[in-house]
Amino acid sequence: MTVNKNIIKNNIINIISNIDDVDKLQRIHKQLERDEFVVVSKPVLKDSITEITEGLTYKEILADQDYQPITYNKFRALADEIEWDHSLEELLSALD
């Protein structure tokens, strides 16, 4: 799919035109002047493919993945340390 560069330019102009924050505009300006935008390459599908090792036991798989089991009591203690910003009722009402 070919994207028209003028459409992209107009979209960028529209986005920037709606920014009221002077600091943000100055940062964008500096980045544009220096051409400091990070180029993100598309992931290559081949990089995500791995060969299947046959004949592994369950224990070997756990060891290979460095699996560290956790007890319920340890999990519960960690969960109890979480500071919630909202009550359970507020969280549940958000699901409606």
Protein backbone atom coordinates (compact mmCIF):
# COMPACT_ATOMS: atom_id res chain seq x y z
CA MET A 1 0.00 0.00 0.00
CA THR A 2 1.48 3.32 -1.08
CA VAL A 3 0.87 6.28 1.20
CA ASN A 4 0.80 9.72 -0.34
CA LYS A 5 3.49 11.89 1.28
CA ASN A 6 1.23 14.95 1.10
CA ILE A 7 -1.43 13.16 3.15
CA ILE A 8 1.19 12.35 5.79
CA LYS A 9 2.44 15.95 5.81
CA ASN A 10 -1.09 17.29 6.21
CA ASN A 11 -1.79 14.84 9.06
CA ILE A 12 1.37 15.95 10.85
CA ILE A 13 0.47 19.61 10.34
CA ASN A 14 -3.02 18.98 11.75
CA ILE A 15 -1.64 17.21 14.81
CA ILE A 16 0.94 19.91 15.50
CA SER A 17 -1.63 22.67 14.94
CA ASN A 18 -3.69 21.27 17.81
CA ILE A 19 -0.80 21.35 20.31
CA ASP A 20 -1.02 24.29 22.74
CA ASP A 21 1.90 23.30 24.99
CA VAL A 22 4.84 25.58 24.10
CA ASP A 23 7.39 23.24 25.70
CA LYS A 24 6.15 20.31 23.66
CA LEU A 25 6.28 22.39 20.47
CA GLN A 26 9.85 23.46 21.25
CA ARG A 27 10.90 19.83 21.79
CA ILE A 28 9.30 18.82 18.49
CA HIS A 29 11.03 21.72 16.75
CA LYS A 30 14.44 20.73 18.14
CA GLN A 31 13.91 17.11 17.11
CA LEU A 32 12.93 18.15 13.61
CA GLU A 33 15.96 20.42 13.27
CA ARG A 34 18.32 17.69 14.43
CA ASP A 35 16.43 14.85 12.71
CA GLU A 36 16.55 12.93 16.00
CA PHE A 37 13.66 10.60 15.37
CA VAL A 38 14.24 6.95 16.15
CA VAL A 39 13.75 4.70 13.17
CA VAL A 40 11.89 1.57 14.21
CA SER A 41 12.43 -1.33 11.90
CA LYS A 42 9.69 -3.81 11.22
CA PRO A 43 10.17 -7.16 12.98
CA VAL A 44 11.30 -10.00 10.77
CA LEU A 45 9.04 -13.05 11.06
CA LYS A 46 11.99 -15.43 10.70
CA ASP A 47 13.52 -14.00 13.91
CA SER A 48 10.57 -15.24 15.96
CA ILE A 49 10.79 -18.83 14.74
CA THR A 50 12.69 -21.32 16.82
CA GLU A 51 13.30 -24.99 16.31
CA ILE A 52 11.35 -27.46 18.40
CA THR A 53 13.48 -29.67 20.58
CA GLU A 54 11.90 -33.07 20.81
CA GLY A 55 12.19 -35.50 23.67
CA LEU A 56 12.46 -32.96 26.48
CA THR A 57 11.04 -33.85 29.84
CA TYR A 58 8.85 -31.49 31.83
CA LYS A 59 11.71 -30.87 34.28
CA GLU A 60 14.11 -30.05 31.44
CA ILE A 61 11.64 -27.51 30.02
CA LEU A 62 11.28 -25.85 33.44
CA ALA A 63 15.06 -25.74 33.86
CA ASP A 64 15.54 -24.33 30.34
CA GLN A 65 13.04 -21.55 31.02
CA ASP A 66 14.49 -20.89 34.49
CA TYR A 67 11.07 -21.43 36.05
CA GLN A 68 10.86 -20.25 39.64
CA PRO A 69 7.76 -21.52 41.43
CA ILE A 70 6.00 -19.33 43.98
CA THR A 71 3.83 -20.45 46.87
CA TYR A 72 0.35 -19.09 47.37
CA ASN A 73 1.43 -17.47 50.63
CA LYS A 74 4.30 -15.63 48.92
CA PHE A 75 1.94 -14.55 46.10
CA ARG A 76 -0.63 -13.36 48.64
CA ALA A 77 2.03 -11.39 50.54
CA LEU A 78 3.17 -9.67 47.32
CA ALA A 79 -0.43 -8.93 46.32
CA ASP A 80 -1.16 -7.43 49.73
CA GLU A 81 1.72 -4.97 49.25
CA ILE A 82 0.06 -3.40 46.20
CA GLU A 83 -1.34 0.03 46.92
CA TRP A 84 -4.65 0.44 45.13
CA ASP A 85 -5.75 3.90 43.99
CA HIS A 86 -9.39 2.79 43.83
CA SER A 87 -11.70 0.65 45.91
CA LEU A 88 -12.76 -2.78 44.73
CA GLU A 89 -16.26 -1.42 44.14
CA GLU A 90 -14.89 1.30 41.85
CA LEU A 91 -12.83 -1.22 39.88
CA LEU A 92 -15.79 -3.56 39.50
CA SER A 93 -18.09 -0.74 38.42
CA ALA A 94 -15.62 0.13 35.66
CA LEU A 95 -16.31 -3.28 34.13
CA ASP A 96 -19.96 -2.40 33.45
